[in-house]
Protein backbone atom coordinates (compact mmCIF):
# COMPACT_ATOMS: atom_id res chain seq x y z
CA UNK A 1 0.00 0.00 0.00
CA UNK A 2 2.82 2.33 0.81
CA UNK A 3 4.22 1.91 -2.73
CA UNK A 4 0.92 2.82 -4.39
CA UNK A 5 0.60 5.89 -2.16
CA UNK A 6 4.08 6.96 -3.25
CA UNK A 7 3.17 6.45 -6.94
CA UNK A 8 -0.01 8.55 -6.49
CA UNK A 9 1.93 11.26 -4.67
CA UNK A 10 4.61 11.29 -7.38
CA UNK A 11 1.97 11.49 -10.14
CA UNK A 12 0.23 14.33 -8.29
CA UNK A 13 3.50 16.25 -7.91
CA UNK A 14 4.36 15.81 -11.61
CA UNK A 15 0.92 17.06 -12.68
CA UNK A 16 1.15 20.00 -10.30
CA UNK A 17 4.63 20.88 -11.57
CA UNK A 18 3.49 20.82 -15.20
CA UNK A 19 0.40 22.89 -14.46
CA UNK A 20 2.33 25.55 -12.58
CA UNK A 21 4.92 26.04 -15.37
CA UNK A 22 3.29 27.65 -18.40
CA UNK A 23 5.10 27.16 -21.70
CA UNK A 24 7.94 29.54 -22.35
CA UNK A 25 6.91 32.59 -24.36
CA UNK A 26 7.94 32.74 -28.01
CA UNK A 27 11.31 34.36 -28.42
CA UNK A 28 10.90 37.40 -30.69
CA UNK A 29 12.75 37.14 -33.95
CA UNK A 30 15.64 39.48 -34.57
CA UNK A 31 15.30 42.48 -36.84
CA UNK A 32 14.99 41.82 -40.54
CA UNK A 33 17.63 43.11 -42.90
CA UNK A 34 16.74 44.61 -46.24
CA UNK A 35 19.21 44.55 -49.07
CA UNK A 36 19.04 46.42 -52.36
CA UNK A 37 20.87 45.08 -55.36
CA UNK A 38 21.47 46.61 -58.79
CA UNK A 39 21.12 44.40 -61.83
CA UNK A 40 22.16 45.59 -65.27
CA UNK A 41 19.27 44.48 -67.46
CA UNK A 42 20.46 46.07 -70.70
CA UNK A 43 23.90 47.31 -71.66
CA UNK A 44 23.31 49.39 -74.78
CA UNK A 45 26.99 50.18 -75.16
CA UNK A 46 27.64 47.01 -77.12
CA UNK A 47 31.23 46.39 -78.08
CA UNK A 48 32.21 49.91 -77.01
CA UNK A 49 33.10 48.53 -73.57
CA UNK A 50 36.05 46.29 -72.88
CA UNK A 51 35.61 43.50 -70.37
CA UNK A 52 37.38 45.64 -67.77
CA UNK A 53 35.19 48.68 -68.51
CA UNK A 54 32.04 46.54 -68.32
CA UNK A 55 33.18 45.47 -64.84
CA UNK A 56 33.79 49.13 -63.91
CA UNK A 57 30.30 50.01 -65.12
CA UNK A 58 28.84 47.25 -62.96
CA UNK A 59 30.83 48.46 -59.94
CA UNK A 60 29.48 51.98 -60.55
CA UNK A 61 25.89 50.66 -60.55
CA UNK A 62 26.54 48.87 -57.25
CA UNK A 63 27.95 52.08 -55.75
CA UNK A 64 24.77 53.85 -56.85
CA UNK A 65 22.67 51.68 -54.57
CA UNK A 66 24.97 51.17 -51.59
CA UNK A 67 23.07 53.77 -49.54
CA UNK A 68 19.66 52.37 -50.43
CA UNK A 69 17.90 50.40 -47.71
CA UNK A 70 14.60 50.10 -49.55
CA UNK A 71 13.09 50.57 -52.98
CA UNK A 72 9.51 51.78 -53.53
CA UNK A 73 7.33 48.72 -54.27
CA UNK A 74 10.42 46.48 -53.94
CA UNK A 75 11.51 46.91 -57.57
CA UNK A 76 12.51 49.93 -59.64
CA UNK A 77 14.01 50.22 -63.12
CA UNK A 78 15.63 53.25 -64.69
CA UNK A 79 18.25 54.23 -67.20
CA UNK A 80 21.71 55.61 -66.58
CA UNK A 81 23.88 57.21 -69.23
CA UNK A 82 27.60 57.06 -68.53
CA UNK A 83 29.13 60.16 -70.10
CA UNK A 84 32.72 60.58 -71.29
CA UNK A 85 34.70 62.25 -68.53
CA UNK A 86 33.00 60.45 -65.65
CA UNK A 87 29.58 62.06 -65.24
CA UNK A 88 26.26 60.19 -65.05
CA UNK A 89 22.83 61.17 -66.34
CA UNK A 90 19.66 59.42 -65.20
CA UNK A 91 16.81 58.70 -67.58
CA UNK A 92 13.36 57.36 -66.98
CA UNK A 93 13.26 55.14 -70.03
CA UNK A 94 14.37 51.75 -68.77
CA UNK A 95 12.89 48.82 -70.63
CA UNK A 96 11.09 47.18 -67.70
CA UNK A 97 9.22 48.09 -64.52
CA UNK A 98 8.71 51.52 -63.02
CA UNK A 99 10.80 54.35 -64.40
CA UNK A 100 11.41 56.56 -61.40
CA UNK A 101 14.90 56.89 -59.94
CA UNK A 102 14.82 56.42 -56.13
CA UNK A 103 16.04 59.31 -53.96
CA UNK A 104 18.74 57.12 -52.38
CA UNK A 105 20.36 56.83 -55.82
CA UNK A 106 20.27 60.49 -56.87
CA UNK A 107 21.01 61.96 -53.44
CA UNK A 108 24.76 61.66 -53.84
CA UNK A 109 27.29 62.85 -56.37
CA UNK A 110 28.82 59.89 -58.11
CA UNK A 111 31.19 59.61 -61.03
CA UNK A 112 32.52 56.63 -62.96
CA UNK A 113 35.92 55.64 -64.30
CA UNK A 114 34.80 53.82 -67.45
CA UNK A 115 36.89 54.84 -70.48
CA UNK A 116 34.36 56.15 -73.03
CA UNK A 117 34.50 58.02 -76.33
CA UNK A 118 30.70 58.39 -76.55
CA UNK A 119 27.80 58.22 -74.05
CA UNK A 120 26.92 54.71 -72.93
CA UNK A 121 23.34 53.81 -71.95
CA UNK A 122 22.64 51.18 -69.30
CA UNK A 123 19.26 50.02 -67.99
CA UNK A 124 19.34 49.18 -64.30
CA UNK A 125 16.86 47.28 -62.17
CA UNK A 126 16.93 47.71 -58.40
CA UNK A 127 15.52 44.88 -56.33
CA UNK A 128 14.88 44.88 -52.62
CA UNK A 129 15.09 41.63 -50.69
CA UNK A 130 14.38 40.91 -47.06
CA UNK A 131 16.57 38.52 -45.11
CA UNK A 132 15.95 36.92 -41.73
CA UNK A 133 14.06 38.29 -38.74
CA UNK A 134 10.41 39.16 -38.36
CA UNK A 135 8.25 41.67 -40.10
C-alpha atoms as a PDB file:
ATOM      1  CA  UNK A   1       0.000   0.000   0.000  1.00  0.00           C
ATOM      2  CA  UNK A   2       2.816   2.330   0.806  1.00  0.00           C
ATOM      3  CA  UNK A   3       4.225   1.913  -2.731  1.00  0.00           C
ATOM      4  CA  UNK A   4       0.917   2.819  -4.390  1.00  0.00           C
ATOM      5  CA  UNK A   5       0.603   5.887  -2.157  1.00  0.00           C
ATOM      6  CA  UNK A   6       4.081   6.963  -3.254  1.00  0.00           C
ATOM      7  CA  UNK A   7       3.168   6.450  -6.937  1.00  0.00           C
ATOM      8  CA  UNK A   8      -0.009   8.548  -6.488  1.00  0.00           C
ATOM      9  CA  UNK A   9       1.931  11.255  -4.667  1.00  0.00           C
ATOM     10  CA  UNK A  10       4.611  11.293  -7.375  1.00  0.00           C
ATOM     11  CA  UNK A  11       1.965  11.487 -10.135  1.00  0.00           C
ATOM     12  CA  UNK A  12       0.234  14.333  -8.289  1.00  0.00           C
ATOM     13  CA  UNK A  13       3.499  16.250  -7.905  1.00  0.00           C
ATOM     14  CA  UNK A  14       4.357  15.812 -11.608  1.00  0.00           C
ATOM     15  CA  UNK A  15       0.921  17.058 -12.678  1.00  0.00           C
ATOM     16  CA  UNK A  16       1.154  19.998 -10.302  1.00  0.00           C
ATOM     17  CA  UNK A  17       4.630  20.882 -11.568  1.00  0.00           C
ATOM     18  CA  UNK A  18       3.485  20.824 -15.199  1.00  0.00           C
ATOM     19  CA  UNK A  19       0.398  22.887 -14.460  1.00  0.00           C
ATOM     20  CA  UNK A  20       2.333  25.547 -12.578  1.00  0.00           C
ATOM     21  CA  UNK A  21       4.922  26.039 -15.374  1.00  0.00           C
ATOM     22  CA  UNK A  22       3.291  27.645 -18.397  1.00  0.00           C
ATOM     23  CA  UNK A  23       5.101  27.160 -21.703  1.00  0.00           C
ATOM     24  CA  UNK A  24       7.940  29.540 -22.355  1.00  0.00           C
ATOM     25  CA  UNK A  25       6.906  32.594 -24.363  1.00  0.00           C
ATOM     26  CA  UNK A  26       7.938  32.744 -28.009  1.00  0.00           C
ATOM     27  CA  UNK A  27      11.306  34.359 -28.423  1.00  0.00           C
ATOM     28  CA  UNK A  28      10.904  37.397 -30.686  1.00  0.00           C
ATOM     29  CA  UNK A  29      12.753  37.138 -33.947  1.00  0.00           C
ATOM     30  CA  UNK A  30      15.642  39.481 -34.572  1.00  0.00           C
ATOM     31  CA  UNK A  31      15.297  42.478 -36.836  1.00  0.00           C
ATOM     32  CA  UNK A  32      14.992  41.824 -40.535  1.00  0.00           C
ATOM     33  CA  UNK A  33      17.628  43.108 -42.896  1.00  0.00           C
ATOM     34  CA  UNK A  34      16.737  44.606 -46.237  1.00  0.00           C
ATOM     35  CA  UNK A  35      19.205  44.554 -49.070  1.00  0.00           C
ATOM     36  CA  UNK A  36      19.037  46.419 -52.359  1.00  0.00           C
ATOM     37  CA  UNK A  37      20.874  45.076 -55.363  1.00  0.00           C
ATOM     38  CA  UNK A  38      21.473  46.607 -58.788  1.00  0.00           C
ATOM     39  CA  UNK A  39      21.115  44.403 -61.829  1.00  0.00           C
ATOM     40  CA  UNK A  40      22.162  45.594 -65.272  1.00  0.00           C
ATOM     41  CA  UNK A  41      19.267  44.480 -67.461  1.00  0.00           C
ATOM     42  CA  UNK A  42      20.463  46.065 -70.703  1.00  0.00           C
ATOM     43  CA  UNK A  43      23.900  47.306 -71.664  1.00  0.00           C
ATOM     44  CA  UNK A  44      23.306  49.395 -74.778  1.00  0.00           C
ATOM     45  CA  UNK A  45      26.993  50.182 -75.161  1.00  0.00           C
ATOM     46  CA  UNK A  46      27.643  47.012 -77.118  1.00  0.00           C
ATOM     47  CA  UNK A  47      31.234  46.391 -78.082  1.00  0.00           C
ATOM     48  CA  UNK A  48      32.211  49.914 -77.007  1.00  0.00           C
ATOM     49  CA  UNK A  49      33.099  48.530 -73.565  1.00  0.00           C
ATOM     50  CA  UNK A  50      36.054  46.292 -72.885  1.00  0.00           C
ATOM     51  CA  UNK A  51      35.611  43.499 -70.367  1.00  0.00           C
ATOM     52  CA  UNK A  52      37.384  45.636 -67.768  1.00  0.00           C
ATOM     53  CA  UNK A  53      35.193  48.681 -68.507  1.00  0.00           C
ATOM     54  CA  UNK A  54      32.044  46.537 -68.325  1.00  0.00           C
ATOM     55  CA  UNK A  55      33.179  45.468 -64.844  1.00  0.00           C
ATOM     56  CA  UNK A  56      33.790  49.125 -63.909  1.00  0.00           C
ATOM     57  CA  UNK A  57      30.296  50.014 -65.123  1.00  0.00           C
ATOM     58  CA  UNK A  58      28.836  47.250 -62.962  1.00  0.00           C
ATOM     59  CA  UNK A  59      30.829  48.459 -59.939  1.00  0.00           C
ATOM     60  CA  UNK A  60      29.481  51.979 -60.549  1.00  0.00           C
ATOM     61  CA  UNK A  61      25.891  50.663 -60.549  1.00  0.00           C
ATOM     62  CA  UNK A  62      26.538  48.874 -57.252  1.00  0.00           C
ATOM     63  CA  UNK A  63      27.946  52.083 -55.746  1.00  0.00           C
ATOM     64  CA  UNK A  64      24.769  53.853 -56.851  1.00  0.00           C
ATOM     65  CA  UNK A  65      22.667  51.680 -54.567  1.00  0.00           C
ATOM     66  CA  UNK A  66      24.972  51.170 -51.591  1.00  0.00           C
ATOM     67  CA  UNK A  67      23.068  53.770 -49.536  1.00  0.00           C
ATOM     68  CA  UNK A  68      19.657  52.368 -50.429  1.00  0.00           C
ATOM     69  CA  UNK A  69      17.900  50.398 -47.711  1.00  0.00           C
ATOM     70  CA  UNK A  70      14.603  50.103 -49.552  1.00  0.00           C
ATOM     71  CA  UNK A  71      13.085  50.570 -52.977  1.00  0.00           C
ATOM     72  CA  UNK A  72       9.508  51.780 -53.534  1.00  0.00           C
ATOM     73  CA  UNK A  73       7.332  48.720 -54.270  1.00  0.00           C
ATOM     74  CA  UNK A  74      10.417  46.476 -53.942  1.00  0.00           C
ATOM     75  CA  UNK A  75      11.512  46.912 -57.573  1.00  0.00           C
ATOM     76  CA  UNK A  76      12.508  49.926 -59.637  1.00  0.00           C
ATOM     77  CA  UNK A  77      14.013  50.218 -63.121  1.00  0.00           C
ATOM     78  CA  UNK A  78      15.630  53.250 -64.687  1.00  0.00           C
ATOM     79  CA  UNK A  79      18.250  54.225 -67.199  1.00  0.00           C
ATOM     80  CA  UNK A  80      21.712  55.610 -66.576  1.00  0.00           C
ATOM     81  CA  UNK A  81      23.881  57.215 -69.225  1.00  0.00           C
ATOM     82  CA  UNK A  82      27.600  57.063 -68.529  1.00  0.00           C
ATOM     83  CA  UNK A  83      29.130  60.162 -70.102  1.00  0.00           C
ATOM     84  CA  UNK A  84      32.718  60.579 -71.289  1.00  0.00           C
ATOM     85  CA  UNK A  85      34.704  62.254 -68.530  1.00  0.00           C
ATOM     86  CA  UNK A  86      33.002  60.447 -65.649  1.00  0.00           C
ATOM     87  CA  UNK A  87      29.579  62.055 -65.241  1.00  0.00           C
ATOM     88  CA  UNK A  88      26.260  60.187 -65.054  1.00  0.00           C
ATOM     89  CA  UNK A  89      22.826  61.172 -66.343  1.00  0.00           C
ATOM     90  CA  UNK A  90      19.655  59.420 -65.197  1.00  0.00           C
ATOM     91  CA  UNK A  91      16.815  58.700 -67.583  1.00  0.00           C
ATOM     92  CA  UNK A  92      13.358  57.358 -66.980  1.00  0.00           C
ATOM     93  CA  UNK A  93      13.260  55.144 -70.032  1.00  0.00           C
ATOM     94  CA  UNK A  94      14.369  51.752 -68.765  1.00  0.00           C
ATOM     95  CA  UNK A  95      12.889  48.821 -70.632  1.00  0.00           C
ATOM     96  CA  UNK A  96      11.085  47.183 -67.695  1.00  0.00           C
ATOM     97  CA  UNK A  97       9.217  48.092 -64.524  1.00  0.00           C
ATOM     98  CA  UNK A  98       8.710  51.522 -63.023  1.00  0.00           C
ATOM     99  CA  UNK A  99      10.797  54.353 -64.399  1.00  0.00           C
ATOM    100  CA  UNK A 100      11.409  56.560 -61.398  1.00  0.00           C
ATOM    101  CA  UNK A 101      14.900  56.894 -59.942  1.00  0.00           C
ATOM    102  CA  UNK A 102      14.822  56.421 -56.134  1.00  0.00           C
ATOM    103  CA  UNK A 103      16.043  59.306 -53.963  1.00  0.00           C
ATOM    104  CA  UNK A 104      18.736  57.120 -52.380  1.00  0.00           C
ATOM    105  CA  UNK A 105      20.356  56.830 -55.816  1.00  0.00           C
ATOM    106  CA  UNK A 106      20.274  60.487 -56.870  1.00  0.00           C
ATOM    107  CA  UNK A 107      21.012  61.959 -53.442  1.00  0.00           C
ATOM    108  CA  UNK A 108      24.759  61.664 -53.844  1.00  0.00           C
ATOM    109  CA  UNK A 109      27.287  62.853 -56.371  1.00  0.00           C
ATOM    110  CA  UNK A 110      28.823  59.885 -58.107  1.00  0.00           C
ATOM    111  CA  UNK A 111      31.185  59.606 -61.029  1.00  0.00           C
ATOM    112  CA  UNK A 112      32.518  56.631 -62.955  1.00  0.00           C
ATOM    113  CA  UNK A 113      35.921  55.635 -64.303  1.00  0.00           C
ATOM    114  CA  UNK A 114      34.805  53.822 -67.453  1.00  0.00           C
ATOM    115  CA  UNK A 115      36.886  54.842 -70.478  1.00  0.00           C
ATOM    116  CA  UNK A 116      34.355  56.151 -73.028  1.00  0.00           C
ATOM    117  CA  UNK A 117      34.496  58.024 -76.334  1.00  0.00           C
ATOM    118  CA  UNK A 118      30.704  58.386 -76.547  1.00  0.00           C
ATOM    119  CA  UNK A 119      27.801  58.217 -74.053  1.00  0.00           C
ATOM    120  CA  UNK A 120      26.921  54.709 -72.929  1.00  0.00           C
ATOM    121  CA  UNK A 121      23.344  53.808 -71.946  1.00  0.00           C
ATOM    122  CA  UNK A 122      22.642  51.181 -69.295  1.00  0.00           C
ATOM    123  CA  UNK A 123      19.259  50.024 -67.992  1.00  0.00           C
ATOM    124  CA  UNK A 124      19.340  49.178 -64.298  1.00  0.00           C
ATOM    125  CA  UNK A 125      16.857  47.276 -62.174  1.00  0.00           C
ATOM    126  CA  UNK A 126      16.932  47.708 -58.396  1.00  0.00           C
ATOM    127  CA  UNK A 127      15.518  44.881 -56.332  1.00  0.00           C
ATOM    128  CA  UNK A 128      14.883  44.880 -52.624  1.00  0.00           C
ATOM    129  CA  UNK A 129      15.090  41.631 -50.692  1.00  0.00           C
ATOM    130  CA  UNK A 130      14.377  40.907 -47.060  1.00  0.00           C
ATOM    131  CA  UNK A 131      16.570  38.523 -45.107  1.00  0.00           C
ATOM    132  CA  UNK A 132      15.952  36.925 -41.729  1.00  0.00           C
ATOM    133  CA  UNK A 133      14.057  38.286 -38.745  1.00  0.00           C
ATOM    134  CA  UNK A 134      10.409  39.163 -38.362  1.00  0.00           C
ATOM    135  CA  UNK A 135       8.253  41.673 -40.103  1.00  0.00           C
END
